[in-house]
Protein backbone atom coordinates (compact mmCIF):
# COMPACT_ATOMS: atom_id res chain seq x y z
CA MET A 1 -3.03 41.91 -53.78
CA ARG A 2 -4.06 38.97 -55.78
CA ILE A 3 -0.61 37.33 -55.20
CA ILE A 4 -0.94 37.85 -51.53
CA LEU A 5 -4.28 36.23 -51.37
CA LEU A 6 -3.09 33.33 -53.48
CA ILE A 7 -0.27 32.80 -51.14
CA VAL A 8 -2.68 32.90 -48.00
CA LEU A 9 -5.02 30.53 -49.89
CA LEU A 10 -2.21 27.93 -50.66
CA LEU A 11 -1.03 28.09 -46.94
CA SER A 12 -4.48 27.31 -45.81
CA LEU A 13 -4.76 24.43 -48.15
CA SER A 14 -1.40 23.07 -46.98
CA LEU A 15 -2.48 23.20 -43.39
CA VAL A 16 -5.83 21.45 -44.17
CA ILE A 17 -3.92 18.65 -46.12
CA ALA A 18 -1.33 18.35 -43.18
CA GLU A 19 -4.18 17.94 -40.67
CA GLU A 20 -5.90 15.37 -42.72
CA SER A 21 -2.56 13.47 -43.26
CA ALA A 22 -2.03 13.56 -39.54
CA ALA A 23 -5.50 12.34 -38.73
CA ILE A 24 -5.11 9.48 -41.29
CA GLU A 25 -1.77 8.49 -39.83
CA ALA A 26 -3.24 8.44 -36.33
CA THR A 27 -5.97 6.34 -37.37
CA ASP A 28 -3.70 3.91 -39.03
CA LEU A 29 -1.70 3.59 -35.82
CA ALA A 30 -4.67 3.17 -33.75
CA GLU A 31 -5.98 0.35 -35.99
CA GLU A 32 -2.37 -1.21 -36.12
CA ALA A 33 -2.25 -1.12 -32.28
CA ALA A 34 -5.83 -2.84 -32.04
CA ALA A 35 -4.76 -5.39 -34.50
CA VAL A 36 -1.63 -6.25 -32.39
CA ALA A 37 -3.75 -6.31 -29.18
CA VAL A 38 -6.14 -8.79 -30.75
CA GLU A 39 -3.21 -11.15 -31.78
CA VAL A 40 -2.06 -11.31 -28.14
CA GLU A 41 -2.04 -15.02 -27.00
CA TYR A 42 -1.36 -16.05 -23.56
CA THR A 43 0.46 -19.05 -22.51
CA GLU A 44 -1.17 -21.77 -20.49
CA GLU A 45 0.72 -20.62 -17.43
CA GLU A 46 -0.55 -17.13 -17.96
CA LEU A 47 -4.11 -18.08 -18.42
CA GLU A 48 -4.02 -20.14 -15.11
CA ALA A 49 -2.45 -17.08 -13.38
CA ILE A 50 -5.28 -14.86 -14.74
CA ALA A 51 -7.82 -17.44 -13.73
CA GLU A 52 -6.42 -17.37 -10.31
CA MET A 53 -6.43 -13.64 -10.03
CA GLN A 54 -10.24 -13.65 -11.14
CA GLU A 55 -11.11 -15.84 -8.46
CA PHE A 56 -9.04 -14.25 -5.75
CA MET A 57 -10.32 -10.63 -6.81
CA ALA A 58 -13.96 -11.78 -6.72
CA SER A 59 -13.54 -13.00 -3.05
CA LEU A 60 -12.30 -9.88 -1.68
CA ASN A 61 -14.70 -7.41 0.20
CA PRO A 62 -13.31 -3.87 0.17
CA GLN A 63 -15.17 -1.51 2.62
CA THR A 64 -15.37 2.26 2.50
CA GLY A 65 -16.45 5.12 4.65
CA VAL A 66 -16.47 4.67 8.57
CA VAL A 67 -14.91 1.60 9.66
CA PRO A 68 -14.75 0.85 13.41
CA LEU A 69 -11.72 -0.88 14.87
CA ALA A 70 -13.28 -2.21 17.98
CA ALA A 71 -10.13 -4.05 19.29
CA ALA A 72 -8.26 -0.98 19.31
CA ASN A 73 -11.19 1.45 20.32
CA ALA A 74 -10.36 3.28 17.33
CA THR A 75 -12.01 4.21 14.03
CA LEU A 76 -10.99 4.70 10.54
CA GLN A 77 -12.42 7.65 8.44
CA LEU A 78 -11.74 6.63 4.97
CA PRO A 79 -11.55 9.15 2.16
CA GLU A 80 -12.63 8.04 -1.45
CA SER A 81 -9.00 7.08 -2.30
CA LEU A 82 -8.80 4.31 0.20
CA VAL A 83 -10.56 1.15 1.02
CA TYR A 84 -10.20 -1.21 3.91
CA PHE A 85 -9.82 -4.86 4.00
CA ASP A 86 -10.74 -6.91 7.10
CA PRO A 87 -8.37 -9.25 8.89
CA LYS A 88 -9.35 -12.26 6.94
CA ASP A 89 -8.98 -10.55 3.65
CA THR A 90 -5.70 -8.87 4.72
CA GLU A 91 -4.28 -12.33 5.47
CA ARG A 92 -5.13 -13.74 2.17
CA ILE A 93 -3.57 -10.71 0.29
CA LEU A 94 -0.31 -11.02 2.49
CA VAL A 95 -0.04 -14.77 2.40
CA GLU A 96 -1.76 -15.96 -0.83
CA ALA A 97 -1.01 -13.02 -3.18
CA TRP A 98 2.21 -11.65 -1.91
CA GLY A 99 3.86 -14.80 -0.45
CA ASN A 100 4.32 -13.68 3.19
CA PRO A 101 4.50 -16.05 6.13
CA PRO A 102 1.13 -16.39 8.00
CA ASN A 103 0.43 -13.69 10.51
CA SER A 104 -2.95 -13.34 12.23
CA ALA A 105 -2.09 -10.19 14.18
CA THR A 106 -3.30 -7.52 11.92
CA LEU A 107 -6.66 -5.59 12.38
CA GLY A 108 -6.99 -5.10 8.59
CA MET A 109 -5.39 -3.25 5.82
CA LEU A 110 -5.81 -0.04 3.89
CA PHE A 111 -5.57 -0.11 0.21
CA PRO A 112 -5.47 2.61 -2.59
CA VAL A 113 -8.63 2.39 -4.60
CA GLU A 114 -7.06 2.66 -7.94
CA PHE A 115 -4.92 -0.51 -7.53
CA THR A 116 -5.56 -4.28 -7.15
CA PRO A 117 -3.23 -6.47 -5.16
CA PHE A 118 -1.79 -7.69 -8.38
CA ASP A 119 -0.68 -4.35 -9.81
CA PRO A 120 3.23 -3.85 -9.60
CA GLY A 121 2.55 -0.18 -8.57
CA SER A 122 0.11 -1.07 -5.67
CA TRP A 123 1.02 -0.53 -1.89
CA ALA A 124 -0.95 -1.17 1.29
CA VAL A 125 -0.97 -0.14 4.96
CA THR A 126 -1.32 -2.99 7.63
CA ILE A 127 -2.91 -2.18 10.91
CA GLU A 128 -2.14 -3.49 14.21
CA TYR A 129 -2.71 -2.57 17.86
CA GLN A 130 -0.23 -2.80 20.86
CA GLU A 131 -1.82 -2.40 24.20
CA ASP A 132 1.11 -1.94 26.73
CA GLY A 133 -0.18 1.06 28.15
CA TYR A 134 0.25 4.93 27.88
CA VAL A 135 3.52 5.65 26.08
CA SER A 136 5.20 8.81 27.53
CA ASP A 137 6.51 11.22 24.80
CA LYS A 138 8.89 13.03 27.23
CA ASP A 139 11.97 11.77 25.51
CA ALA A 140 10.68 12.49 21.99
CA ASP A 141 12.92 15.64 21.54
CA LYS A 142 16.00 14.04 23.19
CA ILE A 143 16.59 11.01 21.00
CA ASN A 144 19.60 10.68 18.86
CA TYR A 145 18.34 8.76 15.88
CA ASP A 146 21.67 8.51 14.16
CA ASP A 147 23.14 6.57 17.07
CA MET A 148 19.92 4.55 17.29
CA LEU A 149 20.35 3.71 13.48
CA LYS A 150 23.87 2.38 14.40
CA SER A 151 22.59 0.06 17.07
CA MET A 152 19.56 -1.08 14.82
CA LYS A 153 21.90 -2.13 12.11
CA LYS A 154 23.80 -4.31 14.55
CA GLU A 155 20.65 -5.99 15.71
CA SER A 156 19.52 -6.52 12.26
CA VAL A 157 22.43 -8.72 11.53
CA GLN A 158 21.35 -10.92 14.36
CA ILE A 159 17.65 -10.94 13.25
CA SER A 160 18.87 -11.76 9.63
CA LYS A 161 20.69 -14.88 10.81
CA GLN A 162 17.54 -16.29 12.58
CA LEU A 163 15.35 -15.38 9.54
CA VAL A 164 17.70 -17.53 7.33
CA ALA A 165 17.57 -20.28 9.87
CA GLU A 166 13.85 -20.25 9.87
CA GLY A 167 13.83 -20.65 6.07
CA TYR A 168 13.24 -16.91 5.10
CA GLN A 169 15.23 -14.48 3.10
CA SER A 170 18.22 -12.59 4.73
CA GLN A 171 17.33 -9.11 5.81
CA GLU A 172 19.69 -6.05 5.85
CA LEU A 173 18.88 -2.59 7.33
CA ILE A 174 20.28 -0.01 4.78
CA GLY A 175 19.40 3.29 6.71
CA TRP A 176 16.60 5.71 7.10
CA ALA A 177 14.58 6.44 4.01
CA ALA A 178 12.88 9.17 6.09
CA PRO A 179 14.26 10.08 9.66
CA PRO A 180 11.64 9.67 12.60
CA PHE A 181 9.33 12.66 13.13
CA TYR A 182 7.04 13.11 16.10
CA ASP A 183 4.00 15.35 16.02
CA ALA A 184 3.52 16.30 19.71
CA ALA A 185 0.35 18.04 18.90
CA GLU A 186 -1.32 14.92 17.12
CA HIS A 187 0.71 12.45 19.11
CA LYS A 188 1.63 10.61 15.97
CA LEU A 189 4.93 9.38 15.15
CA HIS A 190 6.32 8.23 11.60
CA TRP A 191 9.59 7.14 9.91
CA ALA A 192 10.82 4.96 7.13
CA GLN A 193 13.52 2.45 6.88
CA GLU A 194 15.26 1.15 3.59
CA LEU A 195 15.90 -2.61 3.72
CA LYS A 196 17.45 -5.18 1.43
CA PHE A 197 15.92 -8.74 1.44
CA GLY A 198 18.09 -11.85 0.12
CA GLY A 199 18.70 -11.56 -3.57
CA VAL A 200 16.04 -9.30 -4.39
CA GLU A 201 17.27 -6.61 -6.56
CA GLN A 202 14.93 -3.91 -5.59
CA ASN A 203 15.06 -2.63 -1.98
CA THR A 204 12.04 -2.53 0.25
CA LEU A 205 10.50 0.52 1.90
CA ASN A 206 9.38 -0.05 5.46
CA TYR A 207 7.41 3.18 6.28
CA ASN A 208 5.90 3.37 9.79
CA ILE A 209 3.17 5.19 11.55
CA ARG A 210 2.41 4.97 15.27
CA VAL A 211 -0.70 6.65 16.66
CA LEU A 212 -0.35 7.04 20.60
CA GLY A 213 -3.58 6.32 22.69
CA ARG A 214 -4.61 6.24 26.22
CA LYS A 215 -4.00 2.49 26.73
CA GLY A 216 -1.60 1.64 23.73
CA VAL A 217 -0.38 2.22 20.21
CA LEU A 218 -2.19 1.96 16.87
CA ILE A 219 0.58 0.52 14.45
CA LEU A 220 0.28 1.43 10.80
CA ASN A 221 2.96 0.09 8.47
CA PHE A 222 3.17 0.75 4.64
CA ILE A 223 4.22 -2.18 2.27
CA ALA A 224 6.02 -0.68 -0.73
CA ALA A 225 9.03 -0.60 -2.83
CA ILE A 226 11.92 2.00 -2.07
CA ASP A 227 11.14 3.59 -5.46
CA GLN A 228 7.55 4.38 -4.32
CA LEU A 229 9.03 6.53 -1.42
CA GLU A 230 7.77 9.74 -3.18
CA GLN A 231 4.32 8.27 -3.85
CA ILE A 232 4.08 7.09 -0.18
CA GLU A 233 5.07 10.43 1.26
CA ALA A 234 2.30 11.96 -0.83
CA ALA A 235 -0.18 9.65 0.59
CA MET A 236 1.05 9.94 4.20
CA PRO A 237 -1.04 13.04 5.20
CA THR A 238 -4.27 11.07 4.07
CA VAL A 239 -3.31 7.92 5.87
CA LEU A 240 -2.21 9.98 9.05
CA ALA A 241 -5.64 11.59 9.19
CA SER A 242 -7.70 8.50 8.58
CA ALA A 243 -7.01 6.78 11.98
CA GLU A 244 -7.96 8.04 15.35
CA PHE A 245 -8.76 6.57 18.73
CA ASP A 246 -12.35 6.97 20.00
CA GLN A 247 -13.42 9.50 22.44
CA GLY A 248 -12.24 8.20 25.89
CA SER A 249 -9.29 6.30 24.44
CA THR A 250 -7.35 9.12 22.98
CA TYR A 251 -3.84 10.11 24.22
CA ALA A 252 -5.39 13.30 25.90
CA ASP A 253 -7.83 10.92 27.91
CA TYR A 254 -5.00 9.39 29.85
CA GLN A 255 -5.47 9.44 33.73
CA PRO A 256 -2.46 9.60 35.84
CA GLY A 257 -2.35 7.11 38.79
CA VAL A 258 -5.27 5.23 37.13
CA ASP A 259 -4.11 4.14 33.69
CA LYS A 260 -1.20 1.67 33.18
CA VAL A 261 2.04 3.36 31.78
CA ALA A 262 4.09 1.51 29.17
CA ALA A 263 7.62 0.42 30.24
CA TYR A 264 9.06 2.08 27.18
CA GLY A 265 9.06 5.48 25.34
CA ILE A 266 9.07 6.90 21.73
CA GLY A 267 12.49 5.68 21.16
CA ALA A 268 11.63 2.09 21.75
CA LEU A 269 8.72 2.37 19.16
CA VAL A 270 11.19 3.31 16.51
CA ALA A 271 13.85 0.78 17.48
CA GLY A 272 11.16 -2.04 17.57
CA LYS A 273 12.05 -2.99 21.21
CA ILE A 274 8.37 -3.59 21.98
CA LEU A 275 8.30 -6.71 19.60
CA ALA A 276 11.04 -8.50 21.42
CA LYS A 277 8.74 -10.33 23.64
CA THR A 278 7.16 -12.02 20.78
CA GLY A 279 10.48 -13.42 19.46
CA LEU A 280 13.43 -12.31 17.50
CA LEU A 281 11.67 -13.46 14.09
CA ALA A 282 8.61 -11.49 14.69
CA ALA A 283 10.83 -8.38 15.63
CA GLY A 284 12.48 -8.54 12.20
CA LEU A 285 9.58 -9.58 10.00
CA ILE A 286 8.61 -7.17 7.20
CA PHE A 287 5.67 -7.80 4.98
CA LEU A 288 6.63 -7.92 1.24
CA LYS A 289 4.89 -7.76 -2.16
CA LYS A 290 6.56 -10.95 -3.71
CA PHE A 291 3.86 -12.95 -5.50
CA TRP A 292 3.50 -10.55 -8.51
CA PHE A 293 7.18 -9.77 -8.60
CA ILE A 294 8.50 -13.29 -9.08
CA LEU A 295 5.64 -15.37 -10.44
CA LEU A 296 3.70 -12.97 -12.57
CA LEU A 297 6.43 -10.93 -14.15
CA PRO A 298 5.84 -12.38 -17.68
CA LEU A 299 2.20 -11.35 -17.44
CA TYR A 300 3.08 -7.93 -16.64
CA ALA A 301 5.65 -7.71 -19.32
CA LEU A 302 2.73 -8.53 -21.62
CA ARG A 303 0.76 -5.70 -20.02
CA LYS A 304 3.66 -3.32 -20.79
CA LYS A 305 4.11 -4.56 -24.23
CA PHE A 306 0.59 -4.71 -25.54
CA GLY A 307 -1.23 -2.20 -23.30
CA LYS A 308 -2.62 -2.36 -19.72
CA LYS A 309 -6.26 -2.36 -20.86
CA LYS A 310 -6.12 -5.76 -22.80
CA VAL A 311 -5.04 -7.77 -19.90
CA GLU A 312 -7.06 -5.93 -17.32
CA GLU A 313 -10.21 -6.68 -19.45
CA ASP A 314 -9.59 -10.31 -18.45
CA LEU A 315 -9.61 -9.60 -14.88
CA VAL A 316 -12.68 -9.06 -12.80
CA ALA A 317 -13.34 -6.67 -9.77
CA PRO A 318 -13.59 -7.76 -6.21
CA ALA A 319 -17.01 -8.04 -4.46
CA ASP A 320 -18.89 -4.93 -3.99
CA PRO A 321 -17.36 -2.87 -1.20
CA VAL A 322 -19.40 -2.07 1.83
CA ASN A 323 -19.70 1.44 2.96
CA GLN A 324 -19.74 1.05 6.81
CA SER A 325 -21.36 4.47 7.36
CA GLU A 326 -24.59 2.84 5.47
CA SER A 327 -26.72 0.07 6.37
CA THR A 328 -25.30 -3.42 5.92
CA ASP A 329 -28.42 -5.26 5.25
CA GLY A 330 -27.63 -5.08 1.54
CA SER A 331 -30.23 -2.41 0.78
CA GLU A 332 -27.81 0.62 0.63
CA LEU A 333 -24.33 -0.26 -0.49
CA ASP A 334 -21.72 2.21 -1.90
CA HIS A 335 -20.87 1.06 -5.43
CA SER A 336 -18.46 3.83 -6.11
CA VAL A 337 -15.42 1.88 -5.19
CA ARG A 338 -16.29 -1.03 -7.36
CA LYS A 339 -16.32 1.08 -10.44
CA LYS A 340 -12.79 2.21 -9.64
CA TYR A 341 -11.55 -1.45 -9.23
CA GLU A 342 -13.34 -2.76 -12.26
CA PRO A 343 -11.26 -3.01 -15.60
CA PRO A 344 -12.01 -0.64 -18.44
CA LYS A 345 -14.82 -1.88 -20.69
CA GLU A 346 -14.95 -1.61 -24.51
């Protein structure tokens, strides 16, 4: 009996010693990692990039809650996971941060709250409105999208040639990343294309949403990389539910014989025919995230090597987001999003 008790005692003592050793080792590793982080030194170019990002982020004004889109007679009902940037901020993100050609046609942009425009894993949804009249959905279940894709690929070759002539990268339509789907009950259409631009190694995901209304179509386009397809599809239900036309402007409010009817149907929305009147270049132009991918790659290599927290502490959050459902006199502002944008603090 004493032998058994002795064995049990020895085993217990061994476990205690092992746990203490593991704790000491973990502490040593943590101290070593902290020491390495402290030793990180940025180059002059990286410090300049950080300063630019600080200034840029501080100038943005993300909005939350209920956001009216007066130009489209629509409203955004934003969940906590999304923020909205107005057209001015959207233009700056697209052009200054991501290196796209100027475009003043957007009504703004949706952005996931956990990211900043400079995060490689970020994505966004641009918002536009096309008022060409009521779009009939009678042909929605008769479209052969395989044949349509073949035609679109041929057209993309011509679009690419003009893009190059205008000084932009070449563009190639690879195929459907997600085939077109029309929700007849909600009158919402969505599909995704995989595209290749110039010599960029990673293909681009062009995920589209169209919300049909009484007088026109609300256009929501995701900006993301092809390897984010699963992430974007997971966010789709939330984005789809966030945008609705106001009462009196919904698809169901259409009045035959009174309201204008668009000269195209569901198929033309997918094929992009409605953009033809604005020029071949506009029809083929897809927004990209290029600034961080090309210019800030060394900075984010540092983040990967020494840890995300260290570099993010050198960045600042954007201006306080305004909750449009509250008063805008400065007395009642929603600061919850700012906390999510702020970098971790020691």
